[in-house]
Every structure is written in structure tokens, then in C-alpha cells.
C-alpha atoms as a PDB file:
ATOM      1  CA  UNK A   1      99.325  38.153 -53.999  1.00  0.00           C
ATOM      2  CA  UNK A   2     102.157  39.141 -56.199  1.00  0.00           C
ATOM      3  CA  UNK A   3     104.127  36.145 -55.758  1.00  0.00           C
ATOM      4  CA  UNK A   4     106.318  37.561 -58.246  1.00  0.00           C
ATOM      5  CA  UNK A   5     107.260  40.554 -56.429  1.00  0.00           C
ATOM      6  CA  UNK A   6     107.823  39.083 -53.245  1.00  0.00           C
ATOM      7  CA  UNK A   7     110.189  36.594 -55.086  1.00  0.00           C
ATOM      8  CA  UNK A   8     112.426  39.109 -56.435  1.00  0.00           C
ATOM      9  CA  UNK A   9     112.570  40.861 -53.622  1.00  0.00           C
ATOM     10  CA  UNK A  10     113.744  37.989 -51.795  1.00  0.00           C
ATOM     11  CA  UNK A  11     116.834  37.385 -55.103  1.00  0.00           C
ATOM     12  CA  UNK A  12     117.457  41.125 -54.166  1.00  0.00           C
ATOM     13  CA  UNK A  13     117.827  40.710 -50.263  1.00  0.00           C
ATOM     14  CA  UNK A  14     119.617  37.099 -49.985  1.00  0.00           C
ATOM     15  CA  UNK A  15     122.224  35.651 -51.991  1.00  0.00           C
ATOM     16  CA  UNK A  16     124.581  32.310 -51.475  1.00  0.00           C
ATOM     17  CA  UNK A  17     127.357  34.266 -50.711  1.00  0.00           C
ATOM     18  CA  UNK A  18     126.222  35.782 -47.554  1.00  0.00           C
ATOM     19  CA  UNK A  19     125.297  32.080 -45.877  1.00  0.00           C
ATOM     20  CA  UNK A  20     127.618  29.467 -44.475  1.00  0.00           C
ATOM     21  CA  UNK A  21     127.269  25.474 -44.951  1.00  0.00           C
ATOM     22  CA  UNK A  22     128.609  23.089 -47.139  1.00  0.00           C
ATOM     23  CA  UNK A  23     127.162  20.944 -49.858  1.00  0.00           C
ATOM     24  CA  UNK A  24     126.620  16.943 -48.407  1.00  0.00           C
ATOM     25  CA  UNK A  25     130.097  15.718 -49.079  1.00  0.00           C
ATOM     26  CA  UNK A  26     129.469  12.395 -47.210  1.00  0.00           C
ATOM     27  CA  UNK A  27     127.663  11.463 -50.398  1.00  0.00           C
ATOM     28  CA  UNK A  28     130.962  12.248 -52.645  1.00  0.00           C
ATOM     29  CA  UNK A  29     129.068  12.510 -56.111  1.00  0.00           C
ATOM     30  CA  UNK A  30     126.952  15.537 -54.135  1.00  0.00           C
ATOM     31  CA  UNK A  31     130.032  17.126 -53.282  1.00  0.00           C
ATOM     32  CA  UNK A  32     130.586  17.581 -57.242  1.00  0.00           C
ATOM     33  CA  UNK A  33     127.705  20.144 -57.483  1.00  0.00           C
ATOM     34  CA  UNK A  34     128.182  24.117 -56.872  1.00  0.00           C
ATOM     35  CA  UNK A  35     127.416  25.330 -53.931  1.00  0.00           C
ATOM     36  CA  UNK A  36     126.380  28.777 -54.954  1.00  0.00           C
ATOM     37  CA  UNK A  37     123.105  27.812 -56.828  1.00  0.00           C
ATOM     38  CA  UNK A  38     119.549  29.389 -55.975  1.00  0.00           C
ATOM     39  CA  UNK A  39     116.363  28.748 -57.267  1.00  0.00           C
ATOM     40  CA  UNK A  40     112.817  29.188 -56.221  1.00  0.00           C
ATOM     41  CA  UNK A  41     109.330  28.268 -58.166  1.00  0.00           C
ATOM     42  CA  UNK A  42     105.801  28.935 -56.782  1.00  0.00           C
ATOM     43  CA  UNK A  43     103.163  26.798 -57.965  1.00  0.00           C
ATOM     44  CA  UNK A  44      98.961  28.132 -56.905  1.00  0.00           C
ATOM     45  CA  UNK A  45      96.026  25.924 -56.866  1.00  0.00           C
ATOM     46  CA  UNK A  46      94.129  28.635 -58.272  1.00  0.00           C
ATOM     47  CA  UNK A  47      96.673  28.925 -61.351  1.00  0.00           C
ATOM     48  CA  UNK A  48      99.950  30.881 -61.748  1.00  0.00           C
ATOM     49  CA  UNK A  49     103.579  30.093 -61.621  1.00  0.00           C
ATOM     50  CA  UNK A  50     106.451  32.316 -60.296  1.00  0.00           C
ATOM     51  CA  UNK A  51     109.931  31.483 -59.941  1.00  0.00           C
ATOM     52  CA  UNK A  52     113.288  33.361 -59.627  1.00  0.00           C
ATOM     53  CA  UNK A  53     116.803  31.562 -60.426  1.00  0.00           C
ATOM     54  CA  UNK A  54     117.881  28.257 -61.078  1.00  0.00           C
ATOM     55  CA  UNK A  55     114.385  26.801 -60.979  1.00  0.00           C
ATOM     56  CA  UNK A  56     114.790  24.594 -63.945  1.00  0.00           C
ATOM     57  CA  UNK A  57     117.919  23.398 -63.158  1.00  0.00           C
ATOM     58  CA  UNK A  58     117.987  19.247 -62.112  1.00  0.00           C
ATOM     59  CA  UNK A  59     119.493  18.424 -58.613  1.00  0.00           C
ATOM     60  CA  UNK A  60     119.141  15.135 -56.132  1.00  0.00           C
ATOM     61  CA  UNK A  61     115.683  15.349 -54.384  1.00  0.00           C
ATOM     62  CA  UNK A  62     117.302  13.309 -51.605  1.00  0.00           C
ATOM     63  CA  UNK A  63     115.113  13.282 -48.571  1.00  0.00           C
ATOM     64  CA  UNK A  64     112.179  14.917 -50.290  1.00  0.00           C
ATOM     65  CA  UNK A  65     111.332  11.757 -51.785  1.00  0.00           C
ATOM     66  CA  UNK A  66     110.665  10.255 -48.736  1.00  0.00           C
ATOM     67  CA  UNK A  67     107.063  12.111 -48.593  1.00  0.00           C
ATOM     68  CA  UNK A  68     106.395  10.139 -52.067  1.00  0.00           C
ATOM     69  CA  UNK A  69     107.102   6.652 -50.993  1.00  0.00           C
ATOM     70  CA  UNK A  70     105.323   7.523 -47.711  1.00  0.00           C
ATOM     71  CA  UNK A  71     102.026   8.213 -50.106  1.00  0.00           C
ATOM     72  CA  UNK A  72     102.627   5.401 -51.801  1.00  0.00           C
ATOM     73  CA  UNK A  73     103.015   3.293 -48.860  1.00  0.00           C
ATOM     74  CA  UNK A  74      99.696   4.493 -47.311  1.00  0.00           C
ATOM     75  CA  UNK A  75      97.967   3.725 -50.218  1.00  0.00           C
ATOM     76  CA  UNK A  76      99.110  -0.386 -49.919  1.00  0.00           C
ATOM     77  CA  UNK A  77      99.000  -0.727 -46.089  1.00  0.00           C
ATOM     78  CA  UNK A  78      96.329   1.919 -44.897  1.00  0.00           C
ATOM     79  CA  UNK A  79      96.399   2.301 -41.000  1.00  0.00           C
ATOM     80  CA  UNK A  80      98.329  -0.520 -40.297  1.00  0.00           C
ATOM     81  CA  UNK A  81     101.570   1.217 -41.550  1.00  0.00           C
ATOM     82  CA  UNK A  82     101.694   3.093 -38.219  1.00  0.00           C
ATOM     83  CA  UNK A  83     102.554  -0.612 -36.488  1.00  0.00           C
ATOM     84  CA  UNK A  84     105.464  -0.524 -38.104  1.00  0.00           C
ATOM     85  CA  UNK A  85     106.521   3.266 -37.884  1.00  0.00           C
ATOM     86  CA  UNK A  86     105.503   5.724 -35.659  1.00  0.00           C
ATOM     87  CA  UNK A  87     104.988   9.430 -36.087  1.00  0.00           C
ATOM     88  CA  UNK A  88     106.706  11.438 -33.539  1.00  0.00           C
ATOM     89  CA  UNK A  89     109.467  13.873 -34.255  1.00  0.00           C
ATOM     90  CA  UNK A  90     113.058  12.155 -33.369  1.00  0.00           C
ATOM     91  CA  UNK A  91     114.853  15.175 -32.005  1.00  0.00           C
ATOM     92  CA  UNK A  92     118.070  13.475 -32.947  1.00  0.00           C
ATOM     93  CA  UNK A  93     120.153  13.664 -36.478  1.00  0.00           C
ATOM     94  CA  UNK A  94     118.452  12.189 -39.477  1.00  0.00           C
ATOM     95  CA  UNK A  95     120.684   8.782 -39.251  1.00  0.00           C
ATOM     96  CA  UNK A  96     120.880   8.310 -35.785  1.00  0.00           C
ATOM     97  CA  UNK A  97     120.750   4.768 -34.471  1.00  0.00           C
ATOM     98  CA  UNK A  98     119.855   5.326 -30.535  1.00  0.00           C
ATOM     99  CA  UNK A  99     116.672   5.748 -30.429  1.00  0.00           C
ATOM    100  CA  UNK A 100     116.408   2.397 -32.493  1.00  0.00           C
ATOM    101  CA  UNK A 101     117.940   0.672 -29.590  1.00  0.00           C
ATOM    102  CA  UNK A 102     116.008   2.041 -27.338  1.00  0.00           C
ATOM    103  CA  UNK A 103     112.477   1.826 -29.111  1.00  0.00           C
ATOM    104  CA  UNK A 104     112.805  -2.082 -30.360  1.00  0.00           C
ATOM    105  CA  UNK A 105     113.296  -0.986 -34.348  1.00  0.00           C
ATOM    106  CA  UNK A 106     110.430   0.992 -34.180  1.00  0.00           C
ATOM    107  CA  UNK A 107     111.473   4.220 -36.109  1.00  0.00           C
ATOM    108  CA  UNK A 108     110.168   7.601 -34.717  1.00  0.00           C
ATOM    109  CA  UNK A 109     108.842   8.498 -37.965  1.00  0.00           C
ATOM    110  CA  UNK A 110     108.383   7.619 -42.111  1.00  0.00           C
ATOM    111  CA  UNK A 111     110.595  10.844 -42.615  1.00  0.00           C
ATOM    112  CA  UNK A 112     114.162  10.117 -40.913  1.00  0.00           C
ATOM    113  CA  UNK A 113     116.287   7.274 -42.661  1.00  0.00           C
ATOM    114  CA  UNK A 114     115.408   4.699 -40.235  1.00  0.00           C
ATOM    115  CA  UNK A 115     111.471   5.050 -41.246  1.00  0.00           C
ATOM    116  CA  UNK A 116     112.293   5.470 -44.899  1.00  0.00           C
ATOM    117  CA  UNK A 117     113.795   2.258 -44.883  1.00  0.00           C
ATOM    118  CA  UNK A 118     111.047   0.557 -43.219  1.00  0.00           C
ATOM    119  CA  UNK A 119     108.659   2.311 -45.499  1.00  0.00           C
ATOM    120  CA  UNK A 120     110.784   1.256 -48.634  1.00  0.00           C
ATOM    121  CA  UNK A 121     110.893  -2.242 -47.337  1.00  0.00           C
ATOM    122  CA  UNK A 122     107.274  -2.401 -47.196  1.00  0.00           C
ATOM    123  CA  UNK A 123     106.826  -1.089 -51.337  1.00  0.00           C
ATOM    124  CA  UNK A 124     109.422  -3.898 -51.821  1.00  0.00           C
ATOM    125  CA  UNK A 125     106.915  -6.124 -50.215  1.00  0.00           C
ATOM    126  CA  UNK A 126     104.328  -4.531 -52.707  1.00  0.00           C
ATOM    127  CA  UNK A 127     105.370  -3.610 -55.812  1.00  0.00           C
ATOM    128  CA  UNK A 128     106.510  -5.828 -58.801  1.00  0.00           C
ATOM    129  CA  UNK A 129     109.182  -4.008 -59.821  1.00  0.00           C
ATOM    130  CA  UNK A 130     109.953  -1.919 -56.956  1.00  0.00           C
ATOM    131  CA  UNK A 131     112.395   0.753 -58.770  1.00  0.00           C
ATOM    132  CA  UNK A 132     110.358   0.545 -62.248  1.00  0.00           C
ATOM    133  CA  UNK A 133     106.984   0.982 -60.264  1.00  0.00           C
ATOM    134  CA  UNK A 134     107.647   4.176 -57.710  1.00  0.00           C
ATOM    135  CA  UNK A 135     109.223   5.774 -60.747  1.00  0.00           C
ATOM    136  CA  UNK A 136     105.944   5.446 -62.355  1.00  0.00           C
ATOM    137  CA  UNK A 137     104.013   6.483 -59.386  1.00  0.00           C
ATOM    138  CA  UNK A 138     106.509   9.833 -59.206  1.00  0.00           C
ATOM    139  CA  UNK A 139     105.806  10.293 -62.965  1.00  0.00           C
ATOM    140  CA  UNK A 140     102.435  10.236 -63.031  1.00  0.00           C
ATOM    141  CA  UNK A 141     101.741  12.507 -59.745  1.00  0.00           C
ATOM    142  CA  UNK A 142     104.479  14.984 -61.083  1.00  0.00           C
ATOM    143  CA  UNK A 143     102.609  15.042 -64.833  1.00  0.00           C
ATOM    144  CA  UNK A 144     106.424  14.335 -65.898  1.00  0.00           C
ATOM    145  CA  UNK A 145     107.379  11.459 -68.138  1.00  0.00           C
ATOM    146  CA  UNK A 146     111.007  12.467 -68.173  1.00  0.00           C
ATOM    147  CA  UNK A 147     111.625  12.267 -64.044  1.00  0.00           C
ATOM    148  CA  UNK A 148     114.275   9.726 -63.522  1.00  0.00           C
ATOM    149  CA  UNK A 149     116.921   8.380 -61.112  1.00  0.00           C
ATOM    150  CA  UNK A 150     120.732   9.707 -61.015  1.00  0.00           C
ATOM    151  CA  UNK A 151     122.183   6.488 -61.482  1.00  0.00           C
ATOM    152  CA  UNK A 152     126.090   7.988 -60.489  1.00  0.00           C
ATOM    153  CA  UNK A 153     124.536   9.672 -57.321  1.00  0.00           C
ATOM    154  CA  UNK A 154     122.524   6.470 -56.694  1.00  0.00           C
ATOM    155  CA  UNK A 155     125.905   4.614 -56.937  1.00  0.00           C
ATOM    156  CA  UNK A 156     127.876   6.875 -54.812  1.00  0.00           C
ATOM    157  CA  UNK A 157     125.166   6.367 -51.797  1.00  0.00           C
ATOM    158  CA  UNK A 158     125.620   2.460 -52.134  1.00  0.00           C
ATOM    159  CA  UNK A 159     129.366   2.712 -51.529  1.00  0.00           C
ATOM    160  CA  UNK A 160     129.420   5.124 -48.909  1.00  0.00           C
ATOM    161  CA  UNK A 161     125.972   3.872 -47.033  1.00  0.00           C
ATOM    162  CA  UNK A 162     127.341   2.430 -43.997  1.00  0.00           C
ATOM    163  CA  UNK A 163     125.515   4.370 -41.573  1.00  0.00           C
ATOM    164  CA  UNK A 164     122.074   2.895 -43.603  1.00  0.00           C
ATOM    165  CA  UNK A 165     123.367  -0.585 -43.706  1.00  0.00           C
ATOM    166  CA  UNK A 166     123.889  -0.101 -39.621  1.00  0.00           C
ATOM    167  CA  UNK A 167     120.470   0.880 -39.788  1.00  0.00           C
ATOM    168  CA  UNK A 168     118.786  -1.470 -41.782  1.00  0.00           C
ATOM    169  CA  UNK A 169     120.555  -4.553 -39.936  1.00  0.00           C
ATOM    170  CA  UNK A 170     119.390  -3.263 -36.387  1.00  0.00           C
ATOM    171  CA  UNK A 171     115.887  -2.944 -37.740  1.00  0.00           C
ATOM    172  CA  UNK A 172     116.376  -6.631 -39.295  1.00  0.00           C
ATOM    173  CA  UNK A 173     117.228  -7.961 -35.923  1.00  0.00           C
ATOM    174  CA  UNK A 174     114.014  -6.413 -34.472  1.00  0.00           C
ATOM    175  CA  UNK A 175     112.085  -8.218 -37.054  1.00  0.00           C
ATOM    176  CA  UNK A 176     110.959  -4.931 -38.581  1.00  0.00           C
ATOM    177  CA  UNK A 177     112.484  -5.535 -42.233  1.00  0.00           C
ATOM    178  CA  UNK A 178     111.071  -8.156 -43.896  1.00  0.00           C
ATOM    179  CA  UNK A 179     112.901  -8.421 -46.850  1.00  0.00           C
ATOM    180  CA  UNK A 180     116.291  -9.146 -48.292  1.00  0.00           C
ATOM    181  CA  UNK A 181     118.660  -6.063 -46.933  1.00  0.00           C
ATOM    182  CA  UNK A 182     120.770  -5.403 -50.164  1.00  0.00           C
ATOM    183  CA  UNK A 183     117.357  -5.175 -51.924  1.00  0.00           C
ATOM    184  CA  UNK A 184     115.615  -2.369 -49.399  1.00  0.00           C
ATOM    185  CA  UNK A 185     118.839  -0.672 -49.398  1.00  0.00           C
ATOM    186  CA  UNK A 186     119.456  -0.527 -53.511  1.00  0.00           C
ATOM    187  CA  UNK A 187     115.670   1.047 -54.023  1.00  0.00           C
ATOM    188  CA  UNK A 188     115.917   3.426 -50.993  1.00  0.00           C
ATOM    189  CA  UNK A 189     119.367   4.602 -52.599  1.00  0.00           C
ATOM    190  CA  UNK A 190     117.687   5.269 -55.852  1.00  0.00           C
ATOM    191  CA  UNK A 191     114.545   6.596 -54.708  1.00  0.00           C
ATOM    192  CA  UNK A 192     116.518   9.288 -53.036  1.00  0.00           C
ATOM    193  CA  UNK A 193     118.766   9.697 -55.918  1.00  0.00           C
ATOM    194  CA  UNK A 194     115.668  10.958 -58.077  1.00  0.00           C
ATOM    195  CA  UNK A 195     116.308  14.014 -59.840  1.00  0.00           C
ATOM    196  CA  UNK A 196     113.840  17.187 -60.144  1.00  0.00           C
ATOM    197  CA  UNK A 197     114.047  20.969 -60.587  1.00  0.00           C
ATOM    198  CA  UNK A 198     111.890  23.445 -58.488  1.00  0.00           C
ATOM    199  CA  UNK A 199     109.842  23.714 -60.770  1.00  0.00           C
ATOM    200  CA  UNK A 200     109.064  19.996 -61.446  1.00  0.00           C
ATOM    201  CA  UNK A 201     109.098  19.554 -57.383  1.00  0.00           C
ATOM    202  CA  UNK A 202     106.556  22.375 -56.847  1.00  0.00           C
ATOM    203  CA  UNK A 203     104.245  21.030 -59.469  1.00  0.00           C
ATOM    204  CA  UNK A 204     104.695  17.352 -57.812  1.00  0.00           C
ATOM    205  CA  UNK A 205     103.748  18.825 -54.141  1.00  0.00           C
ATOM    206  CA  UNK A 206     100.453  20.350 -55.663  1.00  0.00           C
ATOM    207  CA  UNK A 207      99.061  17.218 -54.595  1.00  0.00           C
ATOM    208  CA  UNK A 208      99.369  17.867 -50.845  1.00  0.00           C
ATOM    209  CA  UNK A 209      98.148  21.574 -51.138  1.00  0.00           C
ATOM    210  CA  UNK A 210      95.255  19.868 -52.931  1.00  0.00           C
ATOM    211  CA  UNK A 211      93.501  17.605 -50.519  1.00  0.00           C
ATOM    212  CA  UNK A 212      95.214  14.328 -52.354  1.00  0.00           C
ATOM    213  CA  UNK A 213      93.895  15.464 -55.963  1.00  0.00           C
ATOM    214  CA  UNK A 214      95.878  15.906 -58.954  1.00  0.00           C
ATOM    215  CA  UNK A 215      95.595  19.721 -60.353  1.00  0.00           C
ATOM    216  CA  UNK A 216      95.309  19.053 -63.878  1.00  0.00           C
ATOM    217  CA  UNK A 217      93.228  15.799 -64.175  1.00  0.00           C
ATOM    218  CA  UNK A 218      91.370  16.050 -60.801  1.00  0.00           C
ATOM    219  CA  UNK A 219      91.907  12.089 -59.690  1.00  0.00           C
ATOM    220  CA  UNK A 220      92.069  11.623 -56.303  1.00  0.00           C
ATOM    221  CA  UNK A 221      95.281   9.991 -54.922  1.00  0.00           C
ATOM    222  CA  UNK A 222      94.718  10.100 -51.746  1.00  0.00           C
ATOM    223  CA  UNK A 223      91.890  10.724 -49.579  1.00  0.00           C
ATOM    224  CA  UNK A 224      91.664  14.438 -47.643  1.00  0.00           C
ATOM    225  CA  UNK A 225      92.269  12.325 -44.235  1.00  0.00           C
ATOM    226  CA  UNK A 226      95.410  10.641 -45.712  1.00  0.00           C
ATOM    227  CA  UNK A 227      96.600  13.905 -47.066  1.00  0.00           C
ATOM    228  CA  UNK A 228      96.091  15.757 -43.822  1.00  0.00           C
ATOM    229  CA  UNK A 229      98.160  13.032 -41.668  1.00  0.00           C
ATOM    230  CA  UNK A 230     101.356  13.478 -44.166  1.00  0.00           C
ATOM    231  CA  UNK A 231     101.127  17.052 -43.710  1.00  0.00           C
ATOM    232  CA  UNK A 232     101.416  16.784 -40.226  1.00  0.00           C
ATOM    233  CA  UNK A 233     104.070  14.521 -40.267  1.00  0.00           C
ATOM    234  CA  UNK A 234     105.831  16.794 -42.639  1.00  0.00           C
ATOM    235  CA  UNK A 235     105.324  19.986 -39.997  1.00  0.00           C
ATOM    236  CA  UNK A 236     106.465  17.662 -37.097  1.00  0.00           C
ATOM    237  CA  UNK A 237     108.995  15.697 -38.518  1.00  0.00           C
ATOM    238  CA  UNK A 238     109.893  16.853 -41.887  1.00  0.00           C
ATOM    239  CA  UNK A 239     113.424  18.762 -41.055  1.00  0.00           C
ATOM    240  CA  UNK A 240     114.884  16.296 -38.469  1.00  0.00           C
ATOM    241  CA  UNK A 241     116.362  17.775 -35.467  1.00  0.00           C
ATOM    242  CA  UNK A 242     115.359  21.595 -36.733  1.00  0.00           C
ATOM    243  CA  UNK A 243     111.999  20.671 -37.274  1.00  0.00           C
ATOM    244  CA  UNK A 244     110.665  22.846 -34.906  1.00  0.00           C
ATOM    245  CA  UNK A 245     112.834  25.845 -35.832  1.00  0.00           C
ATOM    246  CA  UNK A 246     111.284  25.951 -39.477  1.00  0.00           C
ATOM    247  CA  UNK A 247     107.953  25.668 -37.951  1.00  0.00           C
ATOM    248  CA  UNK A 248     108.992  28.530 -35.698  1.00  0.00           C
ATOM    249  CA  UNK A 249     110.734  30.666 -38.501  1.00  0.00           C
ATOM    250  CA  UNK A 250     108.616  29.691 -41.635  1.00  0.00           C
ATOM    251  CA  UNK A 251     105.267  28.071 -40.270  1.00  0.00           C
ATOM    252  CA  UNK A 252     104.486  25.571 -43.379  1.00  0.00           C
ATOM    253  CA  UNK A 253     104.590  21.877 -43.657  1.00  0.00           C
ATOM    254  CA  UNK A 254     107.745  20.531 -45.072  1.00  0.00           C
ATOM    255  CA  UNK A 255     110.211  18.378 -46.470  1.00  0.00           C
ATOM    256  CA  UNK A 256     113.839  19.021 -46.807  1.00  0.00           C
ATOM    257  CA  UNK A 257     116.636  16.682 -48.361  1.00  0.00           C
ATOM    258  CA  UNK A 258     120.312  16.905 -48.460  1.00  0.00           C
ATOM    259  CA  UNK A 259     120.519  17.674 -51.857  1.00  0.00           C
ATOM    260  CA  UNK A 260     119.667  21.352 -50.791  1.00  0.00           C
ATOM    261  CA  UNK A 261     116.072  21.274 -51.847  1.00  0.00           C
ATOM    262  CA  UNK A 262     113.360  22.122 -49.408  1.00  0.00           C
ATOM    263  CA  UNK A 263     109.723  21.618 -50.559  1.00  0.00           C
ATOM    264  CA  UNK A 264     106.510  22.919 -48.577  1.00  0.00           C
ATOM    265  CA  UNK A 265     102.927  24.004 -49.104  1.00  0.00           C
ATOM    266  CA  UNK A 266     100.523  26.327 -48.109  1.00  0.00           C
ATOM    267  CA  UNK A 267      97.043  23.780 -47.902  1.00  0.00           C
ATOM    268  CA  UNK A 268      94.699  25.397 -50.405  1.00  0.00           C
ATOM    269  CA  UNK A 269      96.557  27.679 -51.529  1.00  0.00           C
ATOM    270  CA  UNK A 270     100.503  26.611 -53.147  1.00  0.00           C
ATOM    271  CA  UNK A 271     103.388  24.758 -53.135  1.00  0.00           C
ATOM    272  CA  UNK A 272     106.992  26.474 -53.157  1.00  0.00           C
ATOM    273  CA  UNK A 273     110.172  24.693 -53.963  1.00  0.00           C
ATOM    274  CA  UNK A 274     113.553  26.044 -52.906  1.00  0.00           C
ATOM    275  CA  UNK A 275     117.194  24.764 -53.737  1.00  0.00           C
ATOM    276  CA  UNK A 276     119.859  25.837 -52.608  1.00  0.00           C
ATOM    277  CA  UNK A 277     123.146  23.524 -51.853  1.00  0.00           C
ATOM    278  CA  UNK A 278     124.859  24.833 -48.956  1.00  0.00           C
ATOM    279  CA  UNK A 279     123.695  22.745 -45.996  1.00  0.00           C
ATOM    280  CA  UNK A 280     123.754  23.915 -42.072  1.00  0.00           C
ATOM    281  CA  UNK A 281     124.936  21.632 -39.181  1.00  0.00           C
ATOM    282  CA  UNK A 282     121.549  20.230 -39.348  1.00  0.00           C
ATOM    283  CA  UNK A 283     121.334  19.082 -43.100  1.00  0.00           C
ATOM    284  CA  UNK A 284     119.068  21.193 -44.071  1.00  0.00           C
ATOM    285  CA  UNK A 285     119.629  24.699 -46.714  1.00  0.00           C
ATOM    286  CA  UNK A 286     121.215  27.079 -45.047  1.00  0.00           C
ATOM    287  CA  UNK A 287     119.237  29.606 -47.673  1.00  0.00           C
ATOM    288  CA  UNK A 288     116.570  27.845 -48.069  1.00  0.00           C
ATOM    289  CA  UNK A 289     115.627  28.122 -44.850  1.00  0.00           C
ATOM    290  CA  UNK A 290     115.627  31.894 -45.383  1.00  0.00           C
ATOM    291  CA  UNK A 291     114.041  32.522 -48.349  1.00  0.00           C
ATOM    292  CA  UNK A 292     111.390  30.366 -47.376  1.00  0.00           C
ATOM    293  CA  UNK A 293     110.963  32.584 -43.979  1.00  0.00           C
ATOM    294  CA  UNK A 294     110.669  35.956 -46.014  1.00  0.00           C
ATOM    295  CA  UNK A 295     108.420  34.306 -48.248  1.00  0.00           C
ATOM    296  CA  UNK A 296     105.940  33.417 -45.606  1.00  0.00           C
ATOM    297  CA  UNK A 297     106.853  36.990 -43.688  1.00  0.00           C
ATOM    298  CA  UNK A 298     106.336  39.042 -46.651  1.00  0.00           C
ATOM    299  CA  UNK A 299     103.146  37.527 -47.977  1.00  0.00           C
ATOM    300  CA  UNK A 300     101.571  36.924 -44.460  1.00  0.00           C
ATOM    301  CA  UNK A 301     100.771  33.822 -45.017  1.00  0.00           C
ATOM    302  CA  UNK A 302     101.836  31.061 -43.288  1.00  0.00           C
ATOM    303  CA  UNK A 303      99.436  27.911 -41.680  1.00  0.00           C
ATOM    304  CA  UNK A 304      99.514  29.678 -38.472  1.00  0.00           C
END
């Protein structure tokens, strides 16, 4: 498959100026990111990296980090994890409080904010130094010691994180948060602030395309069954209340973030990351969705 030719065609057919949308201004630090940027990077399991645009520019991965925290929590908790968070699509915005009230503080899935807060609480219980240990885990699976938090973004999220505070307090009232609320929120805001480029993030997501094994060292991080579960959750829940649309248009497991990134995988074949900061009303990258739809259409490869 000539992925570089396909990427070049995508680059010639669409551009940021064609897409409506706004950067995630509710996190003020993200409002400073220039909107008309675009990068895309593919890492193939059989070797080969293909890229266009601003694919080496770091950006805040935001909710894409929820896949990594779910991975680590699953390693600690195993199947007991699903007693505190469900695996169903939410059908509601990523920061909705409505379902939590009806469902007794059990989040619909670990990739919405409420679910990721429960996962953060679990990791705070298990990790000796949560922020340091979590960052070490990301650096390990990325094979990149330079990955770090963006402290300005974390501070901005903390200052304006009223909705997340409401979510975690509601879940605390139902007994589904075990640790100090401020400690869990601080950890959550930091893990969302992690900065990575398309190149670095695609390299990291190879783990989920490669049955839970690191490509270079062949170290098994996840079992094939655990990898299957995470990929299934990405497929059905990775795009909030637009997960069905992404499956329909793109046909790959993936996860978006309000920093404008989307990471996706084709099991056994490749990982791909696209970044374009303009978001549609559902909080997903407008151009990123279109670019990935073109990728699977032009390659003729999706999981369906």
C-alpha cells in the first residue's frame, strides 16, 4: 500500500480553511493554539512511517490520554475494573452529568470525563507518585523519554474545571470515588495536558495495533484479550456522542481529544494520528474526521 501517495492526495484535496469549527476555548490555554494547522502520521507494523504537514508539532492530547490511563488501570485491576465503570456508549456529551444521576454514579464508559475520573481515582490508589509514575508509563510505551505535561494547560484546566469538579463530587456522593477529590482532579488535569506530536502518538498507539506488544522490544504490555477490550471500547465510545458517525465514516477504533488530535488503529496493520485544532460541535476535529475517512476510503482498508 502506497500510504505516502494516499497522504499526499489527502493533503491536496482538503485544507483547514475548508472546515468550520473552533478551538477548545473553554480551556483558555488551548484557545491560543493556531487553528489552521494540520498534520498526519502513519506507523506501519511491517515497517514504514508516512507523514504530511505539522506531524512533528507537539499538541495537548487531552482525552486521547484516557486510553493510556485505561490501559494502566486494567493492568492493576483486571476485570474488577468494570464494577466501577461500564462499557456502553454514552450517547451524551463527554462532560454530561445527566446519566450519572440516573445510573447511581457509575459512568457509562472509561472514555467520557466521568469514566476517566474514576480511572484516575483508581490510579491514585495504586500509584506511589501518580503523576510521575503515569508519565513514566507513557514514556515507556512511547519509547520516548521526552514526553511531558504542559503545565500551563494543566493549570488552565484546573482553574476552569467546574464541570469536572461537579462530576467527581456527584460520583463521590455515590461512593464511586475513594480518594481526595482535589488530588484526583489534579492528576486528571495533568494527564490530559500531556503533549505529543502526531509522530510520537502514532508510535505509541502501535501497542493497540500489535496485540498489546511493544514493537521494538516485543515486551507484552497487554494480553490479546485486554487489547481486544480496549480496541472495542475505542470503537464504540472513543468519540463521545459521535462514535457511531466515526465508525460509519472511518471504520477504525480510535480516540479523539479536544486538543484537535485523533488517534486510530487498524489491528495488525498500522496506527495513524491526525491533528487539526478546529473542533465540530461534538468536540472532535472536523478536518481530522474527514482526513481519516479519506484514508480508509482510498486505501480500501477498515475493520469492516
